[in-house]
Protein backbone atom coordinates (compact mmCIF):
# COMPACT_ATOMS: atom_id res chain seq x y z
CA MET A 1 66.24 160.86 41.63
CA ASN A 2 66.77 164.25 43.27
CA THR A 3 63.86 166.65 43.17
CA LEU A 4 63.59 170.41 43.30
CA MET A 5 61.75 170.13 46.62
CA THR A 6 65.03 169.65 48.48
CA SER A 7 66.74 172.35 50.53
CA PRO A 8 66.68 175.21 49.77
CA PRO A 9 62.95 174.95 49.07
CA LEU A 10 61.64 176.78 46.01
CA PRO A 11 58.31 178.64 45.94
CA HIS A 12 55.45 176.50 44.68
CA LYS A 13 54.85 178.90 41.77
CA THR A 14 58.50 178.57 40.72
CA ILE A 15 58.33 174.77 40.82
CA THR A 16 55.19 174.86 38.66
CA ILE A 17 56.94 177.01 36.04
CA LEU A 18 60.04 174.80 36.14
CA LYS A 19 57.87 171.81 35.29
CA GLN A 20 56.52 173.76 32.31
CA LEU A 21 60.15 174.22 31.26
CA ASP A 22 60.67 170.44 31.54
CA ILE A 23 62.89 170.83 34.62
CA HIS A 24 61.71 168.30 37.19
CA ASN A 25 64.80 167.57 39.28
CA VAL A 26 68.28 168.75 40.13
CA GLU A 27 69.83 166.84 37.24
CA ASP A 28 67.57 168.69 34.79
CA LEU A 29 68.54 171.98 36.43
CA GLN A 30 72.25 171.19 36.18
CA ARG A 31 71.93 170.30 32.50
CA ARG A 32 70.06 173.53 31.73
CA GLY A 33 72.25 175.63 34.01
CA PRO A 34 71.02 177.94 36.80
CA ILE A 35 71.53 181.15 34.77
CA THR A 36 69.62 179.93 31.71
CA THR A 37 66.90 178.51 33.96
CA PHE A 38 66.60 181.79 35.87
CA LEU A 39 66.30 183.81 32.66
CA GLN A 40 63.64 181.46 31.33
CA LEU A 41 61.75 181.77 34.60
CA ARG A 42 61.96 185.54 34.37
CA ASN A 43 60.61 185.44 30.82
CA ILE A 44 57.48 183.71 32.11
CA SER A 45 57.19 185.43 35.49
CA THR A 46 58.60 188.96 35.44
CA GLY A 47 58.37 189.09 39.21
CA THR A 48 61.08 186.45 39.62
CA THR A 49 63.60 187.94 42.05
CA GLU A 50 67.33 187.50 42.51
CA ARG A 51 66.58 185.36 45.54
CA VAL A 52 65.36 182.62 43.21
CA LEU A 53 68.68 182.80 41.36
CA TRP A 54 70.61 182.06 44.56
CA GLN A 55 68.26 179.18 45.31
CA LEU A 56 68.79 177.69 41.86
CA ILE A 57 72.57 178.06 42.16
CA ALA A 58 72.52 176.43 45.58
CA LEU A 59 70.49 173.51 44.24
CA ALA A 60 72.73 173.09 41.19
CA GLU A 61 75.91 173.22 43.28
CA ASN A 62 74.51 171.19 46.19
CA CYS A 63 75.22 173.89 48.77
CA ASN A 64 73.36 176.29 51.05
CA VAL A 65 72.25 179.72 49.90
CA GLN A 66 74.05 181.17 52.94
CA SER A 67 77.35 179.76 51.67
CA ILE A 68 77.18 181.87 48.49
CA GLY A 69 79.42 184.78 49.40
CA THR A 70 79.59 188.33 48.11
CA GLU A 71 82.33 187.62 45.54
CA GLU A 72 80.55 184.56 44.20
CA LYS A 73 77.30 186.49 43.92
CA GLU A 74 79.08 189.19 41.93
CA TYR A 75 80.52 186.48 39.65
CA TRP A 76 77.03 185.12 38.97
CA ARG A 77 75.64 188.62 38.36
CA GLN A 78 78.31 189.13 35.70
CA GLN A 79 77.41 185.77 34.17
CA LEU A 80 73.82 186.92 34.08
CA LYS A 81 74.73 190.16 32.30
CA GLN A 82 76.90 188.38 29.73
CA HIS A 83 74.48 185.54 29.01
CA PRO A 84 73.12 185.39 25.45
CA PRO A 85 69.41 185.98 24.86
CA VAL A 86 67.12 183.32 26.31
CA ALA A 87 63.64 182.49 25.10
CA ILE A 88 60.96 179.94 25.80
CA PHE A 89 60.98 177.69 22.74
CA PRO A 90 57.93 175.86 21.37
CA ALA A 91 57.22 172.26 22.28
CA LYS A 92 59.40 169.66 20.56
CA GLU A 93 56.63 168.41 18.28
CA ILE A 94 55.84 171.94 17.12
CA MET A 95 59.48 172.69 16.31
CA GLU A 96 59.82 169.39 14.46
CA SER A 97 56.72 170.18 12.43
CA TRP A 98 58.19 173.46 11.18
CA MET A 99 61.63 171.90 10.68
CA ARG A 100 60.08 169.38 8.29
CA HIS A 101 59.15 172.30 6.04
CA ALA A 102 62.77 173.47 6.15
CA LEU A 103 63.91 169.94 5.26
CA MET A 104 61.56 169.93 2.26
CA ALA A 105 63.10 173.21 1.17
CA ALA A 106 66.56 171.67 1.52
CA LEU A 107 65.53 168.96 -0.95
CA GLN A 108 64.69 171.72 -3.45
CA ALA A 109 68.29 172.90 -3.20
CA GLN A 110 69.48 169.35 -3.76
CA LEU A 111 67.50 169.16 -7.01
CA LEU A 112 69.54 172.16 -8.21
CA ASP A 113 72.76 170.41 -7.16
CA GLU A 114 73.18 173.01 -4.41
CA VAL A 115 74.26 172.16 -0.87
CA PRO A 116 70.91 171.03 0.61
CA VAL A 117 70.07 173.60 3.28
CA GLY A 118 66.55 174.92 3.77
CA ALA A 119 64.95 177.56 5.96
CA VAL A 120 61.49 178.88 6.82
CA VAL A 121 60.33 181.99 8.66
CA VAL A 122 57.30 181.46 10.90
CA TYR A 123 55.06 184.30 12.05
CA LYS A 124 51.92 183.72 14.12
CA ASN A 125 51.80 180.05 13.19
CA ASN A 126 52.21 180.69 9.46
CA ILE A 127 55.17 180.38 7.11
CA ILE A 128 55.85 183.80 5.60
CA GLY A 129 59.27 183.07 4.15
CA LEU A 130 60.89 180.02 2.60
CA GLY A 131 64.37 179.66 1.20
CA TYR A 132 67.04 177.22 0.13
CA ASN A 133 70.59 177.49 -1.12
CA ARG A 134 70.79 179.04 -4.60
CA CYS A 135 74.35 180.39 -4.67
CA ILE A 136 75.45 178.44 -7.75
CA THR A 137 72.12 178.79 -9.55
CA ASP A 138 71.91 182.56 -9.02
CA HIS A 139 75.67 183.22 -9.21
CA ASN A 140 75.37 185.00 -5.88
CA VAL A 141 77.41 184.07 -2.82
CA SER A 142 74.82 185.62 -0.49
CA HIS A 143 71.93 183.44 -1.61
CA HIS A 144 72.00 181.08 1.36
CA ALA A 145 68.75 179.55 2.59
CA GLU A 146 68.37 181.95 5.52
CA ILE A 147 68.90 185.06 3.36
CA GLN A 148 66.34 183.84 0.85
CA ALA A 149 63.79 183.12 3.58
CA LEU A 150 64.39 186.47 5.33
CA THR A 151 64.00 188.33 2.04
CA GLU A 152 60.64 186.76 1.27
CA ALA A 153 59.41 187.30 4.83
CA SER A 154 60.51 190.94 4.87
CA GLN A 155 58.75 191.61 1.58
CA LYS A 156 55.52 190.11 2.91
CA GLN A 157 55.80 192.07 6.16
CA GLN A 158 56.97 195.22 4.38
CA ASN A 159 59.59 195.48 7.09
CA TYR A 160 63.10 194.10 7.37
CA ARG A 161 62.67 193.81 11.14
CA LEU A 162 61.09 190.49 12.06
CA GLN A 163 60.95 190.71 15.86
CA GLU A 164 58.03 188.33 16.32
CA CYS A 165 59.29 185.72 13.87
CA ASP A 166 61.02 182.39 14.30
CA VAL A 167 63.44 180.96 11.75
CA TYR A 168 63.92 177.23 11.28
CA VAL A 169 67.00 176.20 9.33
CA THR A 170 68.40 172.73 8.73
CA LEU A 171 72.04 173.72 9.30
CA GLU A 172 73.73 175.96 11.85
CA PRO A 173 73.97 179.46 10.32
CA CYS A 174 77.29 180.77 9.01
CA ALA A 175 78.62 184.19 10.06
CA MET A 176 76.90 185.95 7.16
CA CYS A 177 73.50 184.43 7.90
CA ALA A 178 73.87 184.78 11.68
CA SER A 179 74.55 188.49 11.20
CA ALA A 180 71.49 188.84 8.97
CA LEU A 181 69.29 187.03 11.50
CA ILE A 182 70.54 189.27 14.29
CA GLN A 183 70.06 192.43 12.20
CA ALA A 184 66.53 191.31 11.34
CA ARG A 185 65.89 191.03 15.09
CA VAL A 186 64.44 187.57 14.66
CA HIS A 187 62.99 186.35 17.95
CA ARG A 188 64.20 182.74 17.85
CA VAL A 189 66.38 180.64 15.55
CA ILE A 190 66.04 176.86 15.61
CA TYR A 191 68.51 174.82 13.59
CA GLY A 192 69.09 171.15 12.88
CA ALA A 193 72.68 170.01 12.39
CA ALA A 194 75.78 171.75 13.73
CA GLU A 195 78.32 173.03 11.20
CA PRO A 196 81.82 172.40 12.62
CA LYS A 197 83.61 174.26 9.81
CA THR A 198 81.66 177.52 9.54
CA GLY A 199 78.97 177.50 12.24
CA ALA A 200 78.44 180.88 13.88
CA ALA A 201 76.12 179.70 16.66
CA GLY A 202 78.81 178.08 18.75
CA SER A 203 80.69 175.60 16.56
CA VAL A 204 83.36 178.04 15.33
CA ILE A 205 82.16 181.35 16.75
CA ASP A 206 78.96 182.37 18.54
CA LEU A 207 77.73 185.67 17.18
CA PHE A 208 74.39 185.24 18.93
CA ALA A 209 76.19 185.33 22.29
CA ASP A 210 78.36 188.37 21.51
CA ARG A 211 77.14 191.14 23.80
CA ARG A 212 78.66 193.79 21.51
CA LEU A 213 76.01 193.00 18.90
CA ASN A 214 72.26 193.56 19.02
CA GLN A 215 70.87 191.14 21.58
CA HIS A 216 67.49 190.09 20.24
CA THR A 217 67.82 186.55 18.99
CA ALA A 218 67.76 183.36 21.04
CA ILE A 219 69.04 180.18 19.40
CA LEU A 220 68.50 176.46 19.80
CA GLY A 221 70.21 173.66 17.88
CA GLY A 222 69.74 169.94 17.47
CA VAL A 223 66.10 169.86 16.34
CA MET A 224 65.78 166.97 13.86
CA GLU A 225 69.57 166.94 13.74
CA SER A 226 69.93 163.42 12.33
CA GLU A 227 67.50 164.09 9.47
CA SER A 228 69.27 167.34 8.58
CA ARG A 229 72.68 165.71 8.68
CA GLN A 230 71.53 162.72 6.65
CA ILE A 231 70.47 164.92 3.72
CA LEU A 232 73.87 166.63 3.74
CA GLN A 233 75.81 163.38 4.02
CA GLN A 234 73.91 161.82 1.14
CA PHE A 235 74.53 164.88 -1.01
CA PHE A 236 78.29 164.97 -0.41
CA ARG A 237 78.58 161.19 -0.73
CA LYS A 238 76.95 161.39 -4.16
CA ARG A 239 79.17 164.32 -5.14
CA ARG A 240 82.34 162.44 -4.15
CA SER A 241 81.18 159.43 -6.15
CA SER A 242 80.66 161.64 -9.20
CA TYR A 243 84.16 163.09 -8.87
CA LEU A 244 85.65 159.61 -8.62
CA SER A 245 83.77 158.48 -11.72
CA ILE A 246 85.08 161.46 -13.68
CA GLU A 247 88.64 160.72 -12.58
CA ASP A 248 88.29 157.04 -13.51
CA ASN A 249 86.98 157.91 -16.98
CA SER A 250 89.85 160.31 -17.58
CA ILE A 251 92.49 157.65 -16.97
């Protein structure tokens, strides 16, 4: 197993922070990517210099820092400028704990025969907003889980801007909800299952990575993905069975 102690050597402080980020070897660095890793380092240690970026790139590409020429450095600087917001996310067990609340909210939507998606807004280790799909119930196309949760949180905060808040949602946000999350200046969004048909966090389009929009919100997917997907699959399986039963009875 390669380690981050290989040439070029990284400062001891940098290696310590990398371990905090769960990056222990070159393979971990390659999976995370040198740009994302550098930005996360800079979030923790504001004194992280560009020199560390070249070291990370050299490690990831298995080359010497000296071999990174002027043009390549300019390429990486542009990648740095265009990179979507990066944040340090909570530990896995903490994120899963909050996601379980979102999953419970999704079950509330299911009881209303709504697509089971749930969301919670977390501020200073407390839930200040909870929502689930109510579009059919409320006859309102905008009443997605995220919008409901943001509304409740904003009312409690007496402010539509939620800079210090995290949002946990069981399904990748659509374009409408992604836009609302960005406009609310939510700090971090953590979602469960990807949405290949309408997902606006990378599946169809990535609004969170669009530099033309407000760049405040970092996003992470795949937290309790299987549990989130299972609820959706069970719901649609039951709905298809109901449709088939209706068709059989009409024959």
